[in-house]
C-alpha atoms as a PDB file:
ATOM      1  CA  MET A   1      12.973  15.376   5.011  1.00  0.00           C
ATOM      2  CA  LYS A   2      14.508  12.224   3.606  1.00  0.00           C
ATOM      3  CA  ILE A   3      12.801   9.380   1.625  1.00  0.00           C
ATOM      4  CA  SER A   4      14.256   5.933   0.518  1.00  0.00           C
ATOM      5  CA  VAL A   5      12.907   3.600  -1.949  1.00  0.00           C
ATOM      6  CA  ILE A   6      13.699  -0.120  -1.543  1.00  0.00           C
ATOM      7  CA  GLY A   7      12.951  -1.931  -4.833  1.00  0.00           C
ATOM      8  CA  ALA A   8      13.461   0.266  -8.549  1.00  0.00           C
ATOM      9  CA  GLY A   9      11.151  -2.364 -10.334  1.00  0.00           C
ATOM     10  CA  ASN A  10       7.923  -0.733 -12.004  1.00  0.00           C
ATOM     11  CA  VAL A  11       6.130   0.032  -8.318  1.00  0.00           C
ATOM     12  CA  GLY A  12       9.816   1.656  -6.538  1.00  0.00           C
ATOM     13  CA  ALA A  13      10.494   3.588  -9.488  1.00  0.00           C
ATOM     14  CA  SER A  14       7.564   5.157 -10.409  1.00  0.00           C
ATOM     15  CA  ALA A  15       6.962   5.963  -6.660  1.00  0.00           C
ATOM     16  CA  ALA A  16      10.283   7.836  -7.147  1.00  0.00           C
ATOM     17  CA  LEU A  17       9.547   9.563  -9.798  1.00  0.00           C
ATOM     18  CA  LYS A  18       6.143  10.888  -8.273  1.00  0.00           C
ATOM     19  CA  LEU A  19       7.777  11.665  -4.764  1.00  0.00           C
ATOM     20  CA  CYS A  20      10.148  13.877  -6.868  1.00  0.00           C
ATOM     21  CA  GLU A  21       7.653  15.824  -8.878  1.00  0.00           C
ATOM     22  CA  LYS A  22       5.517  16.367  -5.852  1.00  0.00           C
ATOM     23  CA  GLY A  23       8.769  18.152  -4.429  1.00  0.00           C
ATOM     24  CA  LEU A  24       7.902  16.043  -0.871  1.00  0.00           C
ATOM     25  CA  ALA A  25      11.340  15.439   0.209  1.00  0.00           C
ATOM     26  CA  GLU A  26      14.569  17.178  -0.460  1.00  0.00           C
ATOM     27  CA  ASP A  27      16.621  13.554  -0.932  1.00  0.00           C
ATOM     28  CA  VAL A  28      15.018  11.081  -2.483  1.00  0.00           C
ATOM     29  CA  VAL A  29      16.895   7.521  -2.478  1.00  0.00           C
ATOM     30  CA  LEU A  30      16.432   4.364  -4.892  1.00  0.00           C
ATOM     31  CA  VAL A  31      17.647   1.441  -3.855  1.00  0.00           C
ATOM     32  CA  ASP A  32      18.291  -1.974  -5.622  1.00  0.00           C
ATOM     33  CA  ILE A  33      20.473  -5.000  -5.901  1.00  0.00           C
ATOM     34  CA  MET A  34      20.257  -5.192  -9.528  1.00  0.00           C
ATOM     35  CA  GLU A  35      23.495  -3.225  -9.927  1.00  0.00           C
ATOM     36  CA  GLY A  36      22.987   0.351 -12.527  1.00  0.00           C
ATOM     37  CA  ILE A  37      19.199   0.049 -12.413  1.00  0.00           C
ATOM     38  CA  PRO A  38      17.700   2.502  -9.748  1.00  0.00           C
ATOM     39  CA  GLN A  39      21.278   4.637 -10.551  1.00  0.00           C
ATOM     40  CA  GLY A  40      20.139   4.520 -14.521  1.00  0.00           C
ATOM     41  CA  LYS A  41      16.410   4.993 -13.249  1.00  0.00           C
ATOM     42  CA  SER A  42      17.324   7.889 -10.809  1.00  0.00           C
ATOM     43  CA  LEU A  43      19.526   9.849 -13.090  1.00  0.00           C
ATOM     44  CA  ASP A  44      16.746   9.908 -15.593  1.00  0.00           C
ATOM     45  CA  ILE A  45      14.547  10.963 -13.030  1.00  0.00           C
ATOM     46  CA  SER A  46      16.728  13.924 -12.285  1.00  0.00           C
ATOM     47  CA  GLN A  47      16.943  14.696 -15.712  1.00  0.00           C
ATOM     48  CA  ALA A  48      12.661  15.470 -15.294  1.00  0.00           C
ATOM     49  CA  MET A  49      12.938  17.462 -12.413  1.00  0.00           C
ATOM     50  CA  PRO A  50      13.705  21.190 -14.316  1.00  0.00           C
ATOM     51  CA  LEU A  51      10.433  20.361 -16.145  1.00  0.00           C
ATOM     52  CA  ASN A  52       8.552  19.826 -12.567  1.00  0.00           C
ATOM     53  CA  SER A  53      10.386  22.642 -11.329  1.00  0.00           C
ATOM     54  CA  SER A  54      11.345  20.756  -8.484  1.00  0.00           C
ATOM     55  CA  ASN A  55      14.290  20.932  -6.864  1.00  0.00           C
ATOM     56  CA  THR A  56      14.435  17.157  -5.214  1.00  0.00           C
ATOM     57  CA  LYS A  57      18.110  15.063  -5.299  1.00  0.00           C
ATOM     58  CA  ILE A  58      17.781  11.827  -5.863  1.00  0.00           C
ATOM     59  CA  LYS A  59      20.019   9.467  -5.682  1.00  0.00           C
ATOM     60  CA  GLY A  60      20.115   5.199  -6.910  1.00  0.00           C
ATOM     61  CA  THR A  61      22.356   3.225  -5.213  1.00  0.00           C
ATOM     62  CA  ASN A  62      23.109  -0.670  -4.748  1.00  0.00           C
ATOM     63  CA  ASP A  63      24.397  -0.217  -0.782  1.00  0.00           C
ATOM     64  CA  TYR A  64      22.170  -0.069   1.694  1.00  0.00           C
ATOM     65  CA  SER A  65      23.670   2.578   3.902  1.00  0.00           C
ATOM     66  CA  GLU A  66      22.207   5.198   1.515  1.00  0.00           C
ATOM     67  CA  ILE A  67      19.262   5.393   3.725  1.00  0.00           C
ATOM     68  CA  ARG A  68      20.680   6.265   6.459  1.00  0.00           C
ATOM     69  CA  ASP A  69      18.587   8.786   8.870  1.00  0.00           C
ATOM     70  CA  SER A  70      15.659   8.213   6.623  1.00  0.00           C
ATOM     71  CA  ASP A  71      12.207   9.721   7.666  1.00  0.00           C
ATOM     72  CA  ILE A  72      10.172   7.149   5.746  1.00  0.00           C
ATOM     73  CA  VAL A  73      10.922   3.568   4.382  1.00  0.00           C
ATOM     74  CA  ILE A  74       8.827   2.555   1.027  1.00  0.00           C
ATOM     75  CA  VAL A  75       9.739  -1.379   0.543  1.00  0.00           C
ATOM     76  CA  THR A  76       8.428  -2.387  -2.553  1.00  0.00           C
ATOM     77  CA  ALA A  77      11.226  -5.143  -3.513  1.00  0.00           C
ATOM     78  CA  GLY A  78      10.115  -8.672  -4.274  1.00  0.00           C
ATOM     79  CA  VAL A  79       8.694 -10.906  -7.090  1.00  0.00           C
ATOM     80  CA  PRO A  80       5.753  -9.761  -8.510  1.00  0.00           C
ATOM     81  CA  ARG A  81       2.807 -12.084  -9.467  1.00  0.00           C
ATOM     82  CA  LYS A  82       2.584 -13.986 -12.928  1.00  0.00           C
ATOM     83  CA  PRO A  83      -0.748 -15.092 -14.459  1.00  0.00           C
ATOM     84  CA  GLY A  84      -2.289 -17.612 -11.894  1.00  0.00           C
ATOM     85  CA  MET A  85      -0.571 -16.492  -9.186  1.00  0.00           C
ATOM     86  CA  THR A  86      -2.169 -15.428  -5.594  1.00  0.00           C
ATOM     87  CA  ARG A  87      -0.597 -13.073  -3.239  1.00  0.00           C
ATOM     88  CA  ASP A  88      -0.192 -16.243  -1.070  1.00  0.00           C
ATOM     89  CA  ASP A  89       1.755 -17.550  -3.462  1.00  0.00           C
ATOM     90  CA  LEU A  90       4.829 -15.197  -3.665  1.00  0.00           C
ATOM     91  CA  PHE A  91       5.021 -16.032   0.629  1.00  0.00           C
ATOM     92  CA  ASN A  92       8.700 -17.980   0.494  1.00  0.00           C
ATOM     93  CA  VAL A  93      10.223 -16.192  -2.027  1.00  0.00           C
ATOM     94  CA  ASN A  94       9.278 -12.591  -0.809  1.00  0.00           C
ATOM     95  CA  ALA A  95       9.659 -13.430   3.100  1.00  0.00           C
ATOM     96  CA  THR A  96      13.030 -13.717   2.645  1.00  0.00           C
ATOM     97  CA  ILE A  97      13.823 -10.731   0.581  1.00  0.00           C
ATOM     98  CA  THR A  98      11.145  -8.834   3.426  1.00  0.00           C
ATOM     99  CA  LYS A  99      14.217 -10.762   6.132  1.00  0.00           C
ATOM    100  CA  SER A 100      16.798  -9.278   4.228  1.00  0.00           C
ATOM    101  CA  ILE A 101      15.513  -5.808   3.787  1.00  0.00           C
ATOM    102  CA  ALA A 102      14.227  -5.026   7.320  1.00  0.00           C
ATOM    103  CA  LYS A 103      17.962  -6.118   8.762  1.00  0.00           C
ATOM    104  CA  GLU A 104      19.060  -3.078   6.997  1.00  0.00           C
ATOM    105  CA  ILE A 105      16.713  -1.126   7.862  1.00  0.00           C
ATOM    106  CA  LYS A 106      17.297  -1.470  11.301  1.00  0.00           C
ATOM    107  CA  LEU A 107      20.480  -1.168  11.145  1.00  0.00           C
ATOM    108  CA  HIS A 108      20.225   2.425   8.904  1.00  0.00           C
ATOM    109  CA  ALA A 109      17.207   3.695   9.309  1.00  0.00           C
ATOM    110  CA  PRO A 110      15.747   2.565  12.448  1.00  0.00           C
ATOM    111  CA  ASP A 111      13.403   5.056  13.534  1.00  0.00           C
ATOM    112  CA  SER A 112      11.776   5.722  10.249  1.00  0.00           C
ATOM    113  CA  ILE A 113       8.446   4.951   9.193  1.00  0.00           C
ATOM    114  CA  ILE A 114       8.053   2.142   7.224  1.00  0.00           C
ATOM    115  CA  ILE A 115       5.676   1.659   4.338  1.00  0.00           C
ATOM    116  CA  VAL A 116       4.654  -1.962   3.083  1.00  0.00           C
ATOM    117  CA  VAL A 117       4.163  -2.706  -0.308  1.00  0.00           C
ATOM    118  CA  THR A 118       5.570  -5.990  -0.973  1.00  0.00           C
ATOM    119  CA  ASN A 119       2.772  -8.984  -1.480  1.00  0.00           C
ATOM    120  CA  PRO A 120       1.552 -10.660   0.333  1.00  0.00           C
ATOM    121  CA  LEU A 121       1.012  -7.488   2.107  1.00  0.00           C
ATOM    122  CA  ASP A 122      -0.720  -8.203   5.652  1.00  0.00           C
ATOM    123  CA  VAL A 123       1.720 -10.964   5.969  1.00  0.00           C
ATOM    124  CA  MET A 124       5.210  -8.783   5.056  1.00  0.00           C
ATOM    125  CA  ALA A 125       3.800  -5.703   7.483  1.00  0.00           C
ATOM    126  CA  TYR A 126       3.923  -8.390   9.736  1.00  0.00           C
ATOM    127  CA  LEU A 127       7.178 -10.033   9.313  1.00  0.00           C
ATOM    128  CA  MET A 128       8.628  -6.609   8.966  1.00  0.00           C
ATOM    129  CA  MET A 129       7.647  -5.325  12.310  1.00  0.00           C
ATOM    130  CA  LYS A 130       8.798  -8.374  13.614  1.00  0.00           C
ATOM    131  CA  GLU A 131      12.241  -8.633  12.207  1.00  0.00           C
ATOM    132  CA  THR A 132      12.754  -4.675  12.805  1.00  0.00           C
ATOM    133  CA  GLY A 133      11.480  -4.466  16.381  1.00  0.00           C
ATOM    134  CA  SER A 134      10.166  -1.256  15.084  1.00  0.00           C
ATOM    135  CA  ASP A 135       7.155   0.368  17.303  1.00  0.00           C
ATOM    136  CA  LYS A 136       3.643  -0.562  15.561  1.00  0.00           C
ATOM    137  CA  SER A 137       2.849   2.894  14.692  1.00  0.00           C
ATOM    138  CA  LYS A 138       5.779   3.077  12.328  1.00  0.00           C
ATOM    139  CA  ILE A 139       4.995  -0.390  10.388  1.00  0.00           C
ATOM    140  CA  ILE A 140       1.760   1.094   7.768  1.00  0.00           C
ATOM    141  CA  GLY A 141       1.084  -1.683   5.009  1.00  0.00           C
ATOM    142  CA  MET A 142      -0.011  -0.297   1.422  1.00  0.00           C
ATOM    143  CA  ALA A 143      -3.070  -1.825  -0.051  1.00  0.00           C
ATOM    144  CA  GLY A 144      -6.423  -0.269   1.238  1.00  0.00           C
ATOM    145  CA  VAL A 145      -5.769   3.327  -0.366  1.00  0.00           C
ATOM    146  CA  LEU A 146      -5.110   0.994  -3.872  1.00  0.00           C
ATOM    147  CA  ASP A 147      -8.011  -1.195  -3.509  1.00  0.00           C
ATOM    148  CA  SER A 148     -10.065   1.728  -2.905  1.00  0.00           C
ATOM    149  CA  ALA A 149      -8.879   4.032  -5.566  1.00  0.00           C
ATOM    150  CA  ARG A 150     -10.281   0.577  -7.635  1.00  0.00           C
ATOM    151  CA  PHE A 151     -13.248   0.517  -6.402  1.00  0.00           C
ATOM    152  CA  ARG A 152     -13.344   4.281  -6.999  1.00  0.00           C
ATOM    153  CA  ALA A 153     -12.761   4.080 -10.034  1.00  0.00           C
ATOM    154  CA  PHE A 154     -15.064   1.635 -11.484  1.00  0.00           C
ATOM    155  CA  LEU A 155     -18.188   2.927  -9.490  1.00  0.00           C
ATOM    156  CA  ALA A 156     -17.061   5.930 -11.505  1.00  0.00           C
ATOM    157  CA  MET A 157     -16.937   4.116 -14.909  1.00  0.00           C
ATOM    158  CA  GLU A 158     -20.959   3.043 -14.146  1.00  0.00           C
ATOM    159  CA  THR A 159     -22.211   6.152 -13.122  1.00  0.00           C
ATOM    160  CA  GLY A 160     -20.177   8.553 -15.136  1.00  0.00           C
ATOM    161  CA  ALA A 161     -19.891  10.358 -11.738  1.00  0.00           C
ATOM    162  CA  LYS A 162     -16.665  12.508 -11.298  1.00  0.00           C
ATOM    163  CA  VAL A 163     -14.501  10.316  -9.056  1.00  0.00           C
ATOM    164  CA  GLU A 164     -13.826  12.865  -6.150  1.00  0.00           C
ATOM    165  CA  ASP A 165     -17.595  13.135  -5.808  1.00  0.00           C
ATOM    166  CA  ILE A 166     -17.145   9.188  -4.854  1.00  0.00           C
ATOM    167  CA  GLU A 167     -16.949   7.897  -1.188  1.00  0.00           C
ATOM    168  CA  ALA A 168     -15.824   4.092  -1.133  1.00  0.00           C
ATOM    169  CA  MET A 169     -13.716   2.299   1.342  1.00  0.00           C
ATOM    170  CA  VAL A 170     -12.034  -1.157   1.031  1.00  0.00           C
ATOM    171  CA  LEU A 171     -10.886  -2.816   4.507  1.00  0.00           C
ATOM    172  CA  GLY A 172      -9.619  -6.309   5.463  1.00  0.00           C
ATOM    173  CA  GLY A 173      -6.793  -7.970   3.968  1.00  0.00           C
ATOM    174  CA  HIS A 174      -5.110  -7.125   0.514  1.00  0.00           C
ATOM    175  CA  GLY A 175      -6.640 -10.457  -1.413  1.00  0.00           C
ATOM    176  CA  ASP A 176      -9.375 -12.369  -2.495  1.00  0.00           C
ATOM    177  CA  SER A 177     -10.982 -11.803   0.664  1.00  0.00           C
ATOM    178  CA  MET A 178     -10.618  -7.824   0.540  1.00  0.00           C
ATOM    179  CA  VAL A 179     -13.561  -5.908   1.793  1.00  0.00           C
ATOM    180  CA  PRO A 180     -15.190  -3.350  -0.469  1.00  0.00           C
ATOM    181  CA  LEU A 181     -17.870  -1.582   2.487  1.00  0.00           C
ATOM    182  CA  ALA A 182     -20.934  -1.524  -0.197  1.00  0.00           C
ATOM    183  CA  GLU A 183     -23.229  -0.049   3.056  1.00  0.00           C
ATOM    184  CA  HIS A 184     -21.229   3.328   3.105  1.00  0.00           C
ATOM    185  CA  ILE A 185     -20.881   4.318  -0.497  1.00  0.00           C
ATOM    186  CA  MET A 186     -21.875   7.543  -1.558  1.00  0.00           C
ATOM    187  CA  ILE A 187     -22.069   9.251  -4.413  1.00  0.00           C
ATOM    188  CA  SER A 188     -22.470  12.666  -5.005  1.00  0.00           C
ATOM    189  CA  GLY A 189     -24.200  13.028  -1.923  1.00  0.00           C
ATOM    190  CA  LYS A 190     -26.348   9.904  -2.361  1.00  0.00           C
ATOM    191  CA  GLN A 191     -26.658   6.299  -1.430  1.00  0.00           C
ATOM    192  CA  VAL A 192     -25.512   4.152  -3.874  1.00  0.00           C
ATOM    193  CA  SER A 193     -28.763   1.546  -3.864  1.00  0.00           C
ATOM    194  CA  GLY A 194     -30.366   3.958  -5.361  1.00  0.00           C
ATOM    195  CA  ILE A 195     -27.885   4.537  -8.060  1.00  0.00           C
ATOM    196  CA  ILE A 196     -26.731   1.327  -8.746  1.00  0.00           C
ATOM    197  CA  SER A 197     -28.821  -2.051  -8.895  1.00  0.00           C
ATOM    198  CA  LYS A 198     -27.469  -4.410  -6.046  1.00  0.00           C
ATOM    199  CA  LYS A 199     -26.302  -7.113  -8.961  1.00  0.00           C
ATOM    200  CA  LYS A 200     -24.300  -5.007 -10.691  1.00  0.00           C
ATOM    201  CA  LEU A 201     -22.697  -3.741  -7.672  1.00  0.00           C
ATOM    202  CA  GLN A 202     -21.858  -7.131  -6.909  1.00  0.00           C
ATOM    203  CA  GLN A 203     -20.151  -7.046 -10.082  1.00  0.00           C
ATOM    204  CA  ILE A 204     -18.083  -4.060  -9.096  1.00  0.00           C
ATOM    205  CA  ILE A 205     -17.224  -5.411  -5.926  1.00  0.00           C
ATOM    206  CA  GLN A 206     -15.809  -8.595  -7.462  1.00  0.00           C
ATOM    207  CA  ARG A 207     -13.886  -6.594 -10.311  1.00  0.00           C
ATOM    208  CA  THR A 208     -12.777  -4.765  -6.905  1.00  0.00           C
ATOM    209  CA  LYS A 209     -11.820  -7.998  -5.514  1.00  0.00           C
ATOM    210  CA  ASP A 210     -10.022  -8.854  -9.196  1.00  0.00           C
ATOM    211  CA  GLY A 211      -8.294  -5.755  -9.955  1.00  0.00           C
ATOM    212  CA  GLY A 212      -4.577  -6.770  -9.594  1.00  0.00           C
ATOM    213  CA  ALA A 213      -5.243  -9.968 -10.895  1.00  0.00           C
ATOM    214  CA  GLU A 214      -6.899  -8.261 -14.072  1.00  0.00           C
ATOM    215  CA  ILE A 215      -3.838  -6.146 -14.906  1.00  0.00           C
ATOM    216  CA  VAL A 216      -1.603  -9.167 -14.752  1.00  0.00           C
ATOM    217  CA  LYS A 217      -3.981 -10.955 -16.954  1.00  0.00           C
ATOM    218  CA  TYR A 218      -3.202  -8.544 -19.681  1.00  0.00           C
ATOM    219  CA  LEU A 219       0.342  -7.823 -19.065  1.00  0.00           C
ATOM    220  CA  LYS A 220       1.294 -11.477 -18.546  1.00  0.00           C
ATOM    221  CA  THR A 221       4.577 -10.733 -17.155  1.00  0.00           C
ATOM    222  CA  GLY A 222       4.112  -8.303 -14.819  1.00  0.00           C
ATOM    223  CA  SER A 223       1.404  -6.227 -12.392  1.00  0.00           C
ATOM    224  CA  ALA A 224       0.075  -3.044 -11.692  1.00  0.00           C
ATOM    225  CA  TYR A 225       2.534  -0.011 -10.742  1.00  0.00           C
ATOM    226  CA  TYR A 226       0.723   3.568 -11.960  1.00  0.00           C
ATOM    227  CA  ALA A 227      -2.052   3.327  -9.247  1.00  0.00           C
ATOM    228  CA  PRO A 228      -0.207   1.342  -6.846  1.00  0.00           C
ATOM    229  CA  ALA A 229       2.439   4.299  -6.708  1.00  0.00           C
ATOM    230  CA  ALA A 230      -0.223   7.000  -6.586  1.00  0.00           C
ATOM    231  CA  ALA A 231      -1.513   5.098  -3.465  1.00  0.00           C
ATOM    232  CA  ILE A 232       2.015   5.401  -1.920  1.00  0.00           C
ATOM    233  CA  VAL A 233       2.211   8.836  -2.680  1.00  0.00           C
ATOM    234  CA  GLU A 234      -1.283   9.784  -1.299  1.00  0.00           C
ATOM    235  CA  MET A 235       0.021   7.654   1.984  1.00  0.00           C
ATOM    236  CA  VAL A 236       3.383   9.750   2.007  1.00  0.00           C
ATOM    237  CA  GLU A 237       1.642  13.316   1.875  1.00  0.00           C
ATOM    238  CA  SER A 238      -0.912  12.544   4.468  1.00  0.00           C
ATOM    239  CA  ILE A 239       2.122  11.541   6.595  1.00  0.00           C
ATOM    240  CA  LEU A 240       3.698  15.011   6.053  1.00  0.00           C
ATOM    241  CA  LYS A 241       1.127  16.935   5.931  1.00  0.00           C
ATOM    242  CA  GLU A 242      -1.283  15.869   8.725  1.00  0.00           C
ATOM    243  CA  ASP A 243      -4.013  16.668   6.714  1.00  0.00           C
ATOM    244  CA  GLY A 244      -6.213  14.028   9.249  1.00  0.00           C
ATOM    245  CA  LYS A 245      -7.563  12.151   6.002  1.00  0.00           C
ATOM    246  CA  ILE A 246      -8.796   8.595   6.992  1.00  0.00           C
ATOM    247  CA  LEU A 247      -7.466   6.378   4.628  1.00  0.00           C
ATOM    248  CA  PRO A 248      -7.356   2.287   4.733  1.00  0.00           C
ATOM    249  CA  CYS A 249      -4.092   1.099   5.553  1.00  0.00           C
ATOM    250  CA  SER A 250      -3.283  -2.230   6.663  1.00  0.00           C
ATOM    251  CA  VAL A 251      -2.212  -1.838  10.238  1.00  0.00           C
ATOM    252  CA  TYR A 252      -1.031  -3.774  13.885  1.00  0.00           C
ATOM    253  CA  LEU A 253      -4.121  -4.233  15.755  1.00  0.00           C
ATOM    254  CA  GLU A 254      -4.478  -5.028  19.280  1.00  0.00           C
ATOM    255  CA  GLY A 255      -8.601  -5.091  20.081  1.00  0.00           C
ATOM    256  CA  GLU A 256      -9.753  -2.771  17.743  1.00  0.00           C
ATOM    257  CA  TYR A 257     -12.673  -4.531  15.358  1.00  0.00           C
ATOM    258  CA  GLY A 258     -12.144  -7.318  17.711  1.00  0.00           C
ATOM    259  CA  TYR A 259      -9.013  -8.330  16.169  1.00  0.00           C
ATOM    260  CA  SER A 260      -5.317  -8.798  18.188  1.00  0.00           C
ATOM    261  CA  ASP A 261      -1.788  -9.721  16.944  1.00  0.00           C
ATOM    262  CA  ILE A 262      -3.049  -9.146  12.810  1.00  0.00           C
ATOM    263  CA  PHE A 263      -1.868  -6.581  10.490  1.00  0.00           C
ATOM    264  CA  ILE A 264      -4.957  -6.133   8.304  1.00  0.00           C
ATOM    265  CA  GLY A 265      -6.616  -2.932   6.664  1.00  0.00           C
ATOM    266  CA  VAL A 266      -8.741  -0.243   8.774  1.00  0.00           C
ATOM    267  CA  PRO A 267      -8.969   2.747   8.377  1.00  0.00           C
ATOM    268  CA  VAL A 268      -6.582   5.059   9.679  1.00  0.00           C
ATOM    269  CA  LYS A 269      -5.230   8.632  10.146  1.00  0.00           C
ATOM    270  CA  LEU A 270      -1.594   9.789   9.545  1.00  0.00           C
ATOM    271  CA  CYS A 271       1.147  11.654  10.673  1.00  0.00           C
ATOM    272  CA  ARG A 272       4.626  12.203  11.131  1.00  0.00           C
ATOM    273  CA  GLU A 273       5.198   9.905  13.563  1.00  0.00           C
ATOM    274  CA  GLY A 274       3.288   6.777  11.867  1.00  0.00           C
ATOM    275  CA  ILE A 275       0.260   6.036  12.754  1.00  0.00           C
ATOM    276  CA  LYS A 276      -2.156   8.947  14.907  1.00  0.00           C
ATOM    277  CA  GLU A 277      -5.700   7.436  15.041  1.00  0.00           C
ATOM    278  CA  ILE A 278      -7.076   3.701  14.204  1.00  0.00           C
ATOM    279  CA  VAL A 279     -10.432   4.580  13.578  1.00  0.00           C
ATOM    280  CA  GLU A 280     -13.719   2.026  14.006  1.00  0.00           C
ATOM    281  CA  LEU A 281     -16.441   2.560  11.519  1.00  0.00           C
ATOM    282  CA  ASN A 282     -19.608   1.099  12.675  1.00  0.00           C
ATOM    283  CA  LEU A 283     -20.060  -1.603   9.793  1.00  0.00           C
ATOM    284  CA  THR A 284     -23.534  -3.304   9.401  1.00  0.00           C
ATOM    285  CA  GLY A 285     -23.691  -7.215  10.779  1.00  0.00           C
ATOM    286  CA  GLU A 286     -23.016  -8.497   6.591  1.00  0.00           C
ATOM    287  CA  GLU A 287     -19.618  -6.149   6.434  1.00  0.00           C
ATOM    288  CA  LYS A 288     -18.338  -7.452   9.600  1.00  0.00           C
ATOM    289  CA  ALA A 289     -18.944 -10.543   9.155  1.00  0.00           C
ATOM    290  CA  LEU A 290     -16.526 -10.029   5.612  1.00  0.00           C
ATOM    291  CA  LEU A 291     -14.146  -8.034   7.954  1.00  0.00           C
ATOM    292  CA  ASP A 292     -13.938 -11.787  10.726  1.00  0.00           C
ATOM    293  CA  ARG A 293     -13.540 -13.675   7.616  1.00  0.00           C
ATOM    294  CA  SER A 294     -11.200 -11.711   5.857  1.00  0.00           C
ATOM    295  CA  ALA A 295      -8.982 -11.365   9.217  1.00  0.00           C
ATOM    296  CA  GLY A 296      -9.696 -15.194  10.218  1.00  0.00           C
ATOM    297  CA  GLU A 297      -7.521 -16.005   6.342  1.00  0.00           C
ATOM    298  CA  VAL A 298      -4.718 -13.761   7.119  1.00  0.00           C
ATOM    299  CA  LYS A 299      -4.512 -15.193  11.067  1.00  0.00           C
ATOM    300  CA  ASP A 300      -4.096 -18.389   9.093  1.00  0.00           C
ATOM    301  CA  THR A 301      -1.305 -17.525   6.502  1.00  0.00           C
ATOM    302  CA  ILE A 302       0.483 -15.944   9.530  1.00  0.00           C
ATOM    303  CA  LYS A 303      -0.255 -19.287  11.657  1.00  0.00           C
ATOM    304  CA  ASN A 304       0.572 -21.537   8.553  1.00  0.00           C
ATOM    305  CA  PHE A 305       4.127 -19.931   7.804  1.00  0.00           C
ATOM    306  CA  ASN A 306       5.115 -19.707  10.939  1.00  0.00           C
ATOM    307  CA  ILE A 307       5.836 -15.928  11.562  1.00  0.00           C
END
């Protein structure tokens, strides 16, 4: 198994570290255009492996040809958000970066599964599919796993419940219109309505939507990276183990949930071929209306930028 991570910033380097610590691949390649950055971070990670009893080999490089024959390519490269910026504000600069990376993947690793992390996530995943010509089952956007983890974390903070006892999922676009499924929350096997007041739950839902922006506000010169990296690795593990987990990911839809020609977050099962199954949940009328709104915003962005 060979996994390449494109972008050696905080998210990419943290993901590479976790992949190596868990021994999820024989070889990990960390690619970045900044000379010395991927080499130095990879050397640092390799020196940590004896302390993790991991024999995964990692190589840092500025040469895209090193991703050749990768089974999975993780794309984290792009400009991070700054205070006051929305994910859509990033489109122009990150679209140029994504197009250049897509050409390299198409040339060197055309059969790879591609996990897109660059924002605005859903639109970048759509652009990646168009530019690489890869099958829709091979392009997966990382968003819902991260947003759902944030949702569960905030629910745990409020209730004191163990995170493993909390079931909660976020669908929709990775932005302000994301859809935390309020009616599908279970805490220790109980409906959330008997545990958290409606007002408090709405506050938690809003904090989930603002989860990334809250961290940007604190950091000022960067954005989240520990949780995004963990979400990436969760997806990679599910792909490699084919464990049947249902994970919310941004994927290309052709009629599912009533949407077509769009990437948006929905529940899926992953496997070594990419997307194994799109799972259609029975949503309440309110949840479906919110998902319709989210899908409409993603559609508008795709249309506005003529992708």
